[in-house]
C-alpha atoms as a PDB file:
ATOM      1  CA  MET A   1     -13.753  18.858  62.855  1.00  0.00           C
ATOM      2  CA  SER A   2     -15.278  15.492  62.570  1.00  0.00           C
ATOM      3  CA  LYS A   3     -13.147  12.345  62.861  1.00  0.00           C
ATOM      4  CA  PRO A   4     -11.160  10.770  59.892  1.00  0.00           C
ATOM      5  CA  THR A   5     -12.229   7.740  58.413  1.00  0.00           C
ATOM      6  CA  THR A   6      -9.917   4.795  58.960  1.00  0.00           C
ATOM      7  CA  GLN A   7      -9.195   5.208  55.212  1.00  0.00           C
ATOM      8  CA  GLU A   8      -8.234   8.641  55.780  1.00  0.00           C
ATOM      9  CA  MET A   9      -6.151   7.646  59.061  1.00  0.00           C
ATOM     10  CA  ARG A  10      -4.433   4.973  56.833  1.00  0.00           C
ATOM     11  CA  GLU A  11      -3.337   7.575  53.901  1.00  0.00           C
ATOM     12  CA  GLN A  12      -1.972  10.049  56.311  1.00  0.00           C
ATOM     13  CA  LEU A  13       0.053   7.262  58.165  1.00  0.00           C
ATOM     14  CA  VAL A  14       1.583   6.106  54.747  1.00  0.00           C
ATOM     15  CA  ASN A  15       2.230   9.696  53.616  1.00  0.00           C
ATOM     16  CA  ASN A  16       3.942  10.170  57.027  1.00  0.00           C
ATOM     17  CA  GLU A  17       6.245   7.109  56.099  1.00  0.00           C
ATOM     18  CA  VAL A  18       7.064   8.366  52.711  1.00  0.00           C
ATOM     19  CA  ASP A  19       7.803  11.839  53.664  1.00  0.00           C
ATOM     20  CA  TYR A  20      10.100  10.553  56.375  1.00  0.00           C
ATOM     21  CA  ILE A  21      11.770   8.066  53.772  1.00  0.00           C
ATOM     22  CA  THR A  22      12.056  10.815  51.358  1.00  0.00           C
ATOM     23  CA  GLU A  23      13.567  13.225  53.874  1.00  0.00           C
ATOM     24  CA  LEU A  24      16.438  10.277  54.345  1.00  0.00           C
ATOM     25  CA  VAL A  25      16.849  10.006  50.855  1.00  0.00           C
ATOM     26  CA  PHE A  26      17.492  13.691  50.316  1.00  0.00           C
ATOM     27  CA  LYS A  27      19.397  14.566  52.872  1.00  0.00           C
ATOM     28  CA  ASN A  28      21.933  11.576  52.151  1.00  0.00           C
ATOM     29  CA  ARG A  29      20.910   9.686  55.432  1.00  0.00           C
ATOM     30  CA  HIS A  30      21.701   6.178  53.903  1.00  0.00           C
ATOM     31  CA  GLN A  31      22.473   4.428  57.027  1.00  0.00           C
ATOM     32  CA  GLU A  32      19.430   5.564  58.774  1.00  0.00           C
ATOM     33  CA  LEU A  33      17.281   4.698  55.532  1.00  0.00           C
ATOM     34  CA  SER A  34      18.836   1.359  55.640  1.00  0.00           C
ATOM     35  CA  ASP A  35      18.373   0.949  59.306  1.00  0.00           C
ATOM     36  CA  TYR A  36      14.954   2.007  58.886  1.00  0.00           C
ATOM     37  CA  VAL A  37      14.132  -0.627  56.076  1.00  0.00           C
ATOM     38  CA  ALA A  38      15.601  -3.205  57.830  1.00  0.00           C
ATOM     39  CA  LYS A  39      13.538  -2.735  60.865  1.00  0.00           C
ATOM     40  CA  THR A  40      10.252  -1.898  59.215  1.00  0.00           C
ATOM     41  CA  CYS A  41      10.248  -4.446  56.356  1.00  0.00           C
ATOM     42  CA  GLY A  42       9.981  -7.586  58.698  1.00  0.00           C
ATOM     43  CA  PHE A  43      12.634  -9.362  56.813  1.00  0.00           C
ATOM     44  CA  LYS A  44      14.725  -9.925  59.737  1.00  0.00           C
ATOM     45  CA  ASP A  45      12.028 -12.040  61.404  1.00  0.00           C
ATOM     46  CA  ASP A  46      11.635 -14.227  58.346  1.00  0.00           C
ATOM     47  CA  ASP A  47      13.154 -17.718  58.125  1.00  0.00           C
ATOM     48  CA  ASP A  48      15.900 -18.820  55.617  1.00  0.00           C
ATOM     49  CA  THR A  49      13.019 -20.349  53.414  1.00  0.00           C
ATOM     50  CA  GLU A  50      10.758 -16.816  53.219  1.00  0.00           C
ATOM     51  CA  ILE A  51      13.844 -14.933  52.500  1.00  0.00           C
ATOM     52  CA  GLU A  52      14.863 -17.330  49.509  1.00  0.00           C
ATOM     53  CA  ALA A  53      11.326 -17.189  48.137  1.00  0.00           C
ATOM     54  CA  ILE A  54      10.925 -13.413  48.437  1.00  0.00           C
ATOM     55  CA  TYR A  55      14.498 -12.728  46.788  1.00  0.00           C
ATOM     56  CA  MET A  56      13.966 -15.419  43.938  1.00  0.00           C
ATOM     57  CA  SER A  57      10.322 -13.601  43.030  1.00  0.00           C
ATOM     58  CA  LEU A  58      12.478 -10.507  42.953  1.00  0.00           C
ATOM     59  CA  TYR A  59      15.352 -11.434  41.123  1.00  0.00           C
ATOM     60  CA  GLY A  60      14.989 -14.863  39.868  1.00  0.00           C
ATOM     61  CA  ASP A  61      17.827 -17.223  39.590  1.00  0.00           C
ATOM     62  CA  MET A  62      21.267 -15.356  39.784  1.00  0.00           C
ATOM     63  CA  SER A  63      23.326 -18.342  38.877  1.00  0.00           C
ATOM     64  CA  ASP A  64      21.596 -19.000  35.517  1.00  0.00           C
ATOM     65  CA  GLU A  65      23.200 -15.669  34.443  1.00  0.00           C
ATOM     66  CA  CYS A  66      26.706 -16.561  35.266  1.00  0.00           C
ATOM     67  CA  ALA A  67      26.651 -19.399  32.923  1.00  0.00           C
END
């Protein structure tokens, strides 16, 4: 058996993460999923400006909808 390419390694690592997240969802382990996302997505390390930029790019200015 030959050593996998870096791309194959990357794909397997991604597949493993997807499988783990899928398992958490299907087994209703929502707190573990929330903890996992918080730990692995890096948001806890972003400063306030970065958080605001990410939020605005995803959701826009929510205060406009309240007017």
